[in-house]
Amino acid sequence: MNLARIREEIGAAQEYFDYVEGHPTVEGGVMALIALETSRRIYTLAVSFPESYPYEMPQVHVRKPLLASSPHRYSNNRICYLHPRMWNPGRHDLTFVIQRAAKWLAKYEVYQQTGRWPGAGIAH
């Protein structure tokens, strides 16, 4: 795990988003806690960085509010903000992950209102 890169990315994300914090994990890594506000509510998210980061994409969990059933989530309730094969460690970073999570939340709210997930999806 590239802790220096993660800390740098947390600092960069703080320039773009109002609430981004880095926190140590019990395992000796770092996780990011983020708050994002839509027109409907405030969400808190946890971004976990795998040991192989940046070569493997981070996992994003919505901590609050509890989400109702919806598509584009993994069995452990992580959100599918990007197809794993599309992750590019040379181009993608925490700011990108947060932007994609915000887009996912907007689509989730449309789904809650209409019962239809907007946009395309790729099976995996």
C-alpha atoms as a PDB file:
ATOM      1  CA  MET A   1       0.000   0.000   0.000  1.00  0.00           C
ATOM      2  CA  ASN A   2       1.402   3.338  -1.007  1.00  0.00           C
ATOM      3  CA  LEU A   3       0.580   5.351   2.144  1.00  0.00           C
ATOM      4  CA  ALA A   4       2.390   8.458   0.918  1.00  0.00           C
ATOM      5  CA  ARG A   5       0.280   8.517  -2.243  1.00  0.00           C
ATOM      6  CA  ILE A   6      -2.931   7.994  -0.263  1.00  0.00           C
ATOM      7  CA  ARG A   7      -2.100  10.866   2.098  1.00  0.00           C
ATOM      8  CA  GLU A   8      -1.292  13.081  -0.877  1.00  0.00           C
ATOM      9  CA  GLU A   9      -4.572  12.136  -2.549  1.00  0.00           C
ATOM     10  CA  ILE A  10      -6.531  12.898   0.625  1.00  0.00           C
ATOM     11  CA  GLY A  11      -4.928  16.352   0.721  1.00  0.00           C
ATOM     12  CA  ALA A  12      -5.749  16.935  -2.946  1.00  0.00           C
ATOM     13  CA  ALA A  13      -9.371  15.790  -2.451  1.00  0.00           C
ATOM     14  CA  GLN A  14      -9.730  18.261   0.432  1.00  0.00           C
ATOM     15  CA  GLU A  15      -9.139  21.046  -2.105  1.00  0.00           C
ATOM     16  CA  TYR A  16     -12.246  19.981  -4.050  1.00  0.00           C
ATOM     17  CA  PHE A  17     -14.642  18.683  -1.416  1.00  0.00           C
ATOM     18  CA  ASP A  18     -15.780  20.251   1.856  1.00  0.00           C
ATOM     19  CA  TYR A  19     -15.455  17.183   4.045  1.00  0.00           C
ATOM     20  CA  VAL A  20     -12.706  14.640   3.466  1.00  0.00           C
ATOM     21  CA  GLU A  21     -10.718  13.149   6.333  1.00  0.00           C
ATOM     22  CA  GLY A  22      -8.005  10.527   6.468  1.00  0.00           C
ATOM     23  CA  HIS A  23      -8.041   8.035   9.347  1.00  0.00           C
ATOM     24  CA  PRO A  24      -5.679   5.187  10.268  1.00  0.00           C
ATOM     25  CA  THR A  25      -7.054   1.665  10.196  1.00  0.00           C
ATOM     26  CA  VAL A  26      -6.441  -1.098  12.722  1.00  0.00           C
ATOM     27  CA  GLU A  27      -4.455  -2.943  10.034  1.00  0.00           C
ATOM     28  CA  GLY A  28      -1.998  -0.036   9.673  1.00  0.00           C
ATOM     29  CA  GLY A  29      -3.498   1.434   6.533  1.00  0.00           C
ATOM     30  CA  VAL A  30      -5.486   4.581   5.876  1.00  0.00           C
ATOM     31  CA  MET A  31      -9.147   5.080   5.069  1.00  0.00           C
ATOM     32  CA  ALA A  32     -10.954   8.212   3.955  1.00  0.00           C
ATOM     33  CA  LEU A  33     -14.227   9.434   5.403  1.00  0.00           C
ATOM     34  CA  ILE A  34     -16.250  11.700   3.144  1.00  0.00           C
ATOM     35  CA  ALA A  35     -19.513  13.607   3.415  1.00  0.00           C
ATOM     36  CA  LEU A  36     -21.403  14.422   0.213  1.00  0.00           C
ATOM     37  CA  GLU A  37     -24.585  16.442  -0.027  1.00  0.00           C
ATOM     38  CA  THR A  38     -27.156  16.023  -2.760  1.00  0.00           C
ATOM     39  CA  SER A  39     -30.338  18.033  -3.188  1.00  0.00           C
ATOM     40  CA  ARG A  40     -32.098  15.442  -1.033  1.00  0.00           C
ATOM     41  CA  ARG A  41     -29.725  14.501   1.817  1.00  0.00           C
ATOM     42  CA  ILE A  42     -26.227  14.225   3.225  1.00  0.00           C
ATOM     43  CA  TYR A  43     -24.362  10.952   2.790  1.00  0.00           C
ATOM     44  CA  THR A  44     -21.294   9.769   4.647  1.00  0.00           C
ATOM     45  CA  LEU A  45     -18.975   7.385   2.868  1.00  0.00           C
ATOM     46  CA  ALA A  46     -15.939   5.351   3.812  1.00  0.00           C
ATOM     47  CA  VAL A  47     -13.268   4.700   1.207  1.00  0.00           C
ATOM     48  CA  SER A  48     -11.033   1.709   1.945  1.00  0.00           C
ATOM     49  CA  PHE A  49      -7.739   1.316   0.131  1.00  0.00           C
ATOM     50  CA  PRO A  50      -6.661  -2.255  -0.645  1.00  0.00           C
ATOM     51  CA  GLU A  51      -3.143  -3.421   0.167  1.00  0.00           C
ATOM     52  CA  SER A  52      -2.319  -3.349  -3.555  1.00  0.00           C
ATOM     53  CA  TYR A  53      -3.411   0.299  -3.991  1.00  0.00           C
ATOM     54  CA  PRO A  54      -2.993   2.071  -6.407  1.00  0.00           C
ATOM     55  CA  TYR A  55      -3.043  -1.023  -8.635  1.00  0.00           C
ATOM     56  CA  GLU A  56      -6.449  -2.057  -7.317  1.00  0.00           C
ATOM     57  CA  MET A  57      -9.351   0.356  -6.975  1.00  0.00           C
ATOM     58  CA  PRO A  58     -10.603   1.499  -3.545  1.00  0.00           C
ATOM     59  CA  GLN A  59     -13.844   0.197  -2.094  1.00  0.00           C
ATOM     60  CA  VAL A  60     -16.625   2.661  -1.261  1.00  0.00           C
ATOM     61  CA  HIS A  61     -19.267   2.025   1.398  1.00  0.00           C
ATOM     62  CA  VAL A  62     -22.132   4.393   2.175  1.00  0.00           C
ATOM     63  CA  ARG A  63     -22.231   4.562   5.969  1.00  0.00           C
ATOM     64  CA  LYS A  64     -25.268   6.805   6.416  1.00  0.00           C
ATOM     65  CA  PRO A  65     -28.059   6.806   5.633  1.00  0.00           C
ATOM     66  CA  LEU A  66     -28.662   3.105   5.216  1.00  0.00           C
ATOM     67  CA  LEU A  67     -29.422   2.494   1.578  1.00  0.00           C
ATOM     68  CA  ALA A  68     -32.479   0.695   0.313  1.00  0.00           C
ATOM     69  CA  SER A  69     -32.035  -2.110  -2.160  1.00  0.00           C
ATOM     70  CA  SER A  70     -30.691  -0.941  -5.496  1.00  0.00           C
ATOM     71  CA  PRO A  71     -28.701  -2.134  -8.478  1.00  0.00           C
ATOM     72  CA  HIS A  72     -24.999  -1.455  -8.946  1.00  0.00           C
ATOM     73  CA  ARG A  73     -23.938  -2.697  -5.528  1.00  0.00           C
ATOM     74  CA  TYR A  74     -21.815  -5.628  -4.511  1.00  0.00           C
ATOM     75  CA  SER A  75     -23.013  -8.278  -2.060  1.00  0.00           C
ATOM     76  CA  ASN A  76     -21.169  -6.591   0.834  1.00  0.00           C
ATOM     77  CA  ASN A  77     -22.985  -3.301   0.057  1.00  0.00           C
ATOM     78  CA  ARG A  78     -20.018  -1.620  -1.590  1.00  0.00           C
ATOM     79  CA  ILE A  79     -21.187   0.638  -4.373  1.00  0.00           C
ATOM     80  CA  CYS A  80     -20.137  -0.077  -7.942  1.00  0.00           C
ATOM     81  CA  TYR A  81     -18.859   3.343  -8.962  1.00  0.00           C
ATOM     82  CA  LEU A  82     -16.631   1.963 -11.743  1.00  0.00           C
ATOM     83  CA  HIS A  83     -16.138  -1.374 -13.461  1.00  0.00           C
ATOM     84  CA  PRO A  84     -12.958  -2.852 -11.926  1.00  0.00           C
ATOM     85  CA  ARG A  85     -11.354  -3.425 -15.344  1.00  0.00           C
ATOM     86  CA  MET A  86     -11.614   0.311 -16.025  1.00  0.00           C
ATOM     87  CA  TRP A  87      -9.473   1.302 -13.011  1.00  0.00           C
ATOM     88  CA  ASN A  88      -6.254   2.993 -14.163  1.00  0.00           C
ATOM     89  CA  PRO A  89      -3.684   3.709 -11.402  1.00  0.00           C
ATOM     90  CA  GLY A  90      -1.948   6.263 -13.620  1.00  0.00           C
ATOM     91  CA  ARG A  91      -5.096   8.341 -14.134  1.00  0.00           C
ATOM     92  CA  HIS A  92      -7.434   7.621 -11.238  1.00  0.00           C
ATOM     93  CA  ASP A  93      -7.131   8.857  -7.673  1.00  0.00           C
ATOM     94  CA  LEU A  94      -9.261   9.601  -4.604  1.00  0.00           C
ATOM     95  CA  THR A  95     -10.752  12.747  -6.150  1.00  0.00           C
ATOM     96  CA  PHE A  96     -11.901  10.650  -9.118  1.00  0.00           C
ATOM     97  CA  VAL A  97     -13.364   8.028  -6.748  1.00  0.00           C
ATOM     98  CA  ILE A  98     -15.319  10.682  -4.831  1.00  0.00           C
ATOM     99  CA  GLN A  99     -16.608  12.216  -8.067  1.00  0.00           C
ATOM    100  CA  ARG A 100     -17.790   8.801  -9.252  1.00  0.00           C
ATOM    101  CA  ALA A 101     -19.379   8.065  -5.868  1.00  0.00           C
ATOM    102  CA  ALA A 102     -21.259  11.386  -6.072  1.00  0.00           C
ATOM    103  CA  LYS A 103     -22.518  10.418  -9.531  1.00  0.00           C
ATOM    104  CA  TRP A 104     -23.578   7.019  -8.175  1.00  0.00           C
ATOM    105  CA  LEU A 105     -25.522   8.721  -5.351  1.00  0.00           C
ATOM    106  CA  ALA A 106     -27.337  10.974  -7.838  1.00  0.00           C
ATOM    107  CA  LYS A 107     -28.335   7.914  -9.863  1.00  0.00           C
ATOM    108  CA  TYR A 108     -29.390   6.125  -6.685  1.00  0.00           C
ATOM    109  CA  GLU A 109     -31.776   8.975  -5.851  1.00  0.00           C
ATOM    110  CA  VAL A 110     -33.282   8.845  -9.347  1.00  0.00           C
ATOM    111  CA  TYR A 111     -33.704   5.090  -8.918  1.00  0.00           C
ATOM    112  CA  GLN A 112     -35.462   5.627  -5.579  1.00  0.00           C
ATOM    113  CA  GLN A 113     -37.927   8.003  -7.238  1.00  0.00           C
ATOM    114  CA  THR A 114     -38.522   6.194 -10.518  1.00  0.00           C
ATOM    115  CA  GLY A 115     -37.559   2.556  -9.995  1.00  0.00           C
ATOM    116  CA  ARG A 116     -35.220   2.821 -12.998  1.00  0.00           C
ATOM    117  CA  TRP A 117     -31.431   3.167 -12.806  1.00  0.00           C
ATOM    118  CA  PRO A 118     -30.341   5.922 -15.216  1.00  0.00           C
ATOM    119  CA  GLY A 119     -27.466   5.213 -17.552  1.00  0.00           C
ATOM    120  CA  ALA A 120     -25.732   2.114 -18.789  1.00  0.00           C
ATOM    121  CA  GLY A 121     -24.343  -0.772 -16.810  1.00  0.00           C
ATOM    122  CA  ILE A 122     -21.703  -3.407 -17.470  1.00  0.00           C
ATOM    123  CA  ALA A 123     -22.169  -6.901 -16.056  1.00  0.00           C
ATOM    124  CA  HIS A 124     -19.350  -8.217 -13.860  1.00  0.00           C
END
